[in-house]
């Protein structure tokens, strides 16, 4: 049996219609994820909306030195973090045992360090101009 056995013509065609994204993680090896061509950069749109109203957000923000936990996006100057909980309808990592447990640990540690955490699901992206609504939520939290 060859090294690439199991690859059908359909699987190869599907792979060619996708974009491969590389994520460099300084503490471990390079991670690769296949991203669909038409998949929207949800976090990027929110970062841009925040930038438009004068706030600097950082993607994949590591908030503890001794842990690998990262926020999807954070405003370190205000200790506000954003988590996008994906896969809630498809039994993704965030709703299964180990993933849910690790998320609880992460959120507890964040709260103990004084972070305010905003959590959203994929449903929010179905709204028109969702990135501006989220940016406004963050702005109202900061101005409180």
Protein backbone atom coordinates (compact mmCIF):
# COMPACT_ATOMS: atom_id res chain seq x y z
CA UNK A 1 0.00 0.00 0.00
CA UNK A 2 1.37 3.41 -0.97
CA UNK A 3 2.13 6.29 1.30
CA UNK A 4 -0.92 8.27 0.16
CA UNK A 5 -3.40 5.44 -0.06
CA UNK A 6 -6.95 6.44 0.69
CA UNK A 7 -6.75 9.72 -1.20
CA UNK A 8 -9.53 9.81 -3.75
CA UNK A 9 -9.76 12.19 -6.69
CA UNK A 10 -12.56 13.99 -4.81
CA UNK A 11 -10.40 14.44 -1.69
CA UNK A 12 -7.52 15.88 -3.74
CA UNK A 13 -9.89 18.25 -5.57
CA UNK A 14 -11.34 19.41 -2.25
CA UNK A 15 -7.86 20.07 -0.89
CA UNK A 16 -6.94 22.09 -3.99
CA UNK A 17 -10.00 24.30 -3.46
CA UNK A 18 -8.83 25.20 0.03
CA UNK A 19 -6.12 27.50 1.28
CA UNK A 20 -3.52 26.16 3.68
CA UNK A 21 -2.76 28.45 6.65
CA UNK A 22 0.36 28.16 8.75
CA UNK A 23 0.38 29.12 12.39
CA UNK A 24 3.81 29.54 13.97
CA UNK A 25 3.90 28.58 17.60
CA UNK A 26 7.27 29.53 19.12
CA UNK A 27 6.98 26.90 21.83
CA UNK A 28 6.19 23.96 19.59
CA UNK A 29 6.17 22.89 15.98
CA UNK A 30 4.37 24.66 13.15
CA UNK A 31 0.68 23.86 13.05
CA UNK A 32 -1.13 23.66 9.73
CA UNK A 33 -4.87 24.04 9.26
CA UNK A 34 -6.84 23.89 6.06
CA UNK A 35 -8.96 26.97 5.62
CA UNK A 36 -11.82 27.05 3.16
CA UNK A 37 -11.41 29.65 0.42
CA UNK A 38 -14.59 31.46 1.31
CA UNK A 39 -14.10 31.19 5.09
CA UNK A 40 -14.40 34.59 6.67
CA UNK A 41 -11.68 36.01 8.93
CA UNK A 42 -14.03 36.76 11.83
CA UNK A 43 -11.35 37.87 14.30
CA UNK A 44 -9.63 40.02 11.67
CA UNK A 45 -12.84 41.91 10.98
CA UNK A 46 -13.34 42.59 14.69
CA UNK A 47 -9.71 43.75 15.09
CA UNK A 48 -10.23 46.15 12.15
CA UNK A 49 -13.49 47.49 13.61
CA UNK A 50 -11.78 48.10 16.96
CA UNK A 51 -8.89 49.84 15.22
CA UNK A 52 -11.38 52.13 13.45
CA UNK A 53 -12.65 53.38 16.83
CA UNK A 54 -9.16 53.76 18.29
CA UNK A 55 -8.50 50.52 20.19
CA UNK A 56 -5.51 48.25 19.62
CA UNK A 57 -6.34 44.57 19.75
CA UNK A 58 -3.93 41.64 19.56
CA UNK A 59 -4.78 38.28 18.01
CA UNK A 60 -3.81 35.01 19.71
CA UNK A 61 -2.75 36.78 22.89
CA UNK A 62 -0.89 34.64 25.42
CA UNK A 63 -1.90 35.97 28.81
CA UNK A 64 0.13 33.68 31.11
CA UNK A 65 3.84 32.96 30.69
CA UNK A 66 3.76 29.49 32.21
CA UNK A 67 0.69 28.22 30.29
CA UNK A 68 -0.03 27.74 26.61
CA UNK A 69 -3.48 29.35 26.85
CA UNK A 70 -4.20 32.11 24.36
CA UNK A 71 -7.18 34.39 23.83
CA UNK A 72 -8.55 34.63 20.28
CA UNK A 73 -8.18 38.38 20.67
CA UNK A 74 -7.30 40.70 23.54
CA UNK A 75 -6.96 44.34 24.43
CA UNK A 76 -4.08 43.96 26.91
CA UNK A 77 -4.12 47.64 27.94
CA UNK A 78 -7.70 47.18 29.24
CA UNK A 79 -7.42 43.49 30.25
CA UNK A 80 -10.37 42.61 28.00
CA UNK A 81 -10.32 39.32 26.14
CA UNK A 82 -12.50 37.93 23.37
CA UNK A 83 -13.16 34.27 22.74
CA UNK A 84 -14.98 32.98 19.70
CA UNK A 85 -16.56 29.63 20.59
CA UNK A 86 -16.74 27.67 17.37
CA UNK A 87 -18.20 24.25 16.71
CA UNK A 88 -21.09 24.50 19.16
CA UNK A 89 -23.48 22.84 16.69
CA UNK A 90 -21.00 20.39 15.20
CA UNK A 91 -19.69 18.93 18.46
CA UNK A 92 -16.44 20.87 18.15
CA UNK A 93 -13.63 21.07 20.68
CA UNK A 94 -15.28 23.74 22.80
CA UNK A 95 -18.28 21.56 23.69
CA UNK A 96 -16.62 18.17 24.17
CA UNK A 97 -15.24 16.92 27.49
CA UNK A 98 -11.54 17.72 27.43
CA UNK A 99 -11.91 20.91 25.39
CA UNK A 100 -14.68 22.22 27.64
CA UNK A 101 -12.66 21.35 30.75
CA UNK A 102 -9.57 23.14 29.43
CA UNK A 103 -11.66 26.19 28.48
CA UNK A 104 -13.02 26.32 32.05
CA UNK A 105 -9.46 26.24 33.43
CA UNK A 106 -8.41 28.97 31.02
CA UNK A 107 -11.37 31.23 31.87
CA UNK A 108 -10.87 30.74 35.61
CA UNK A 109 -7.17 31.61 35.40
CA UNK A 110 -8.03 34.66 33.29
CA UNK A 111 -10.55 35.87 35.88
CA UNK A 112 -8.02 35.32 38.67
CA UNK A 113 -5.57 37.53 36.73
CA UNK A 114 -8.18 40.30 36.43
CA UNK A 115 -9.27 39.76 32.82
CA UNK A 116 -12.78 40.48 31.59
CA UNK A 117 -13.78 37.83 29.05
CA UNK A 118 -16.37 38.26 26.30
CA UNK A 119 -17.55 35.03 24.66
CA UNK A 120 -19.41 34.78 21.36
CA UNK A 121 -20.59 31.89 19.18
CA UNK A 122 -20.83 31.46 15.43
CA UNK A 123 -24.42 32.75 15.51
CA UNK A 124 -23.18 36.32 15.94
CA UNK A 125 -21.49 36.20 12.51
CA UNK A 126 -24.87 35.74 10.84
CA UNK A 127 -25.84 39.27 11.86
CA UNK A 128 -25.16 42.13 9.47
CA UNK A 129 -22.11 44.20 10.55
CA UNK A 130 -21.51 41.95 13.56
CA UNK A 131 -17.93 43.19 13.89
CA UNK A 132 -19.14 46.72 14.64
CA UNK A 133 -21.62 45.48 17.24
CA UNK A 134 -18.87 43.54 19.01
CA UNK A 135 -16.50 46.53 18.79
CA UNK A 136 -19.26 48.67 20.29
CA UNK A 137 -19.76 46.13 23.12
CA UNK A 138 -16.06 46.39 23.91
CA UNK A 139 -16.09 50.19 23.68
CA UNK A 140 -19.04 50.38 26.12
CA UNK A 141 -17.23 48.05 28.51
CA UNK A 142 -14.10 50.24 28.43
CA UNK A 143 -16.03 53.48 28.88
CA UNK A 144 -18.04 52.09 31.82
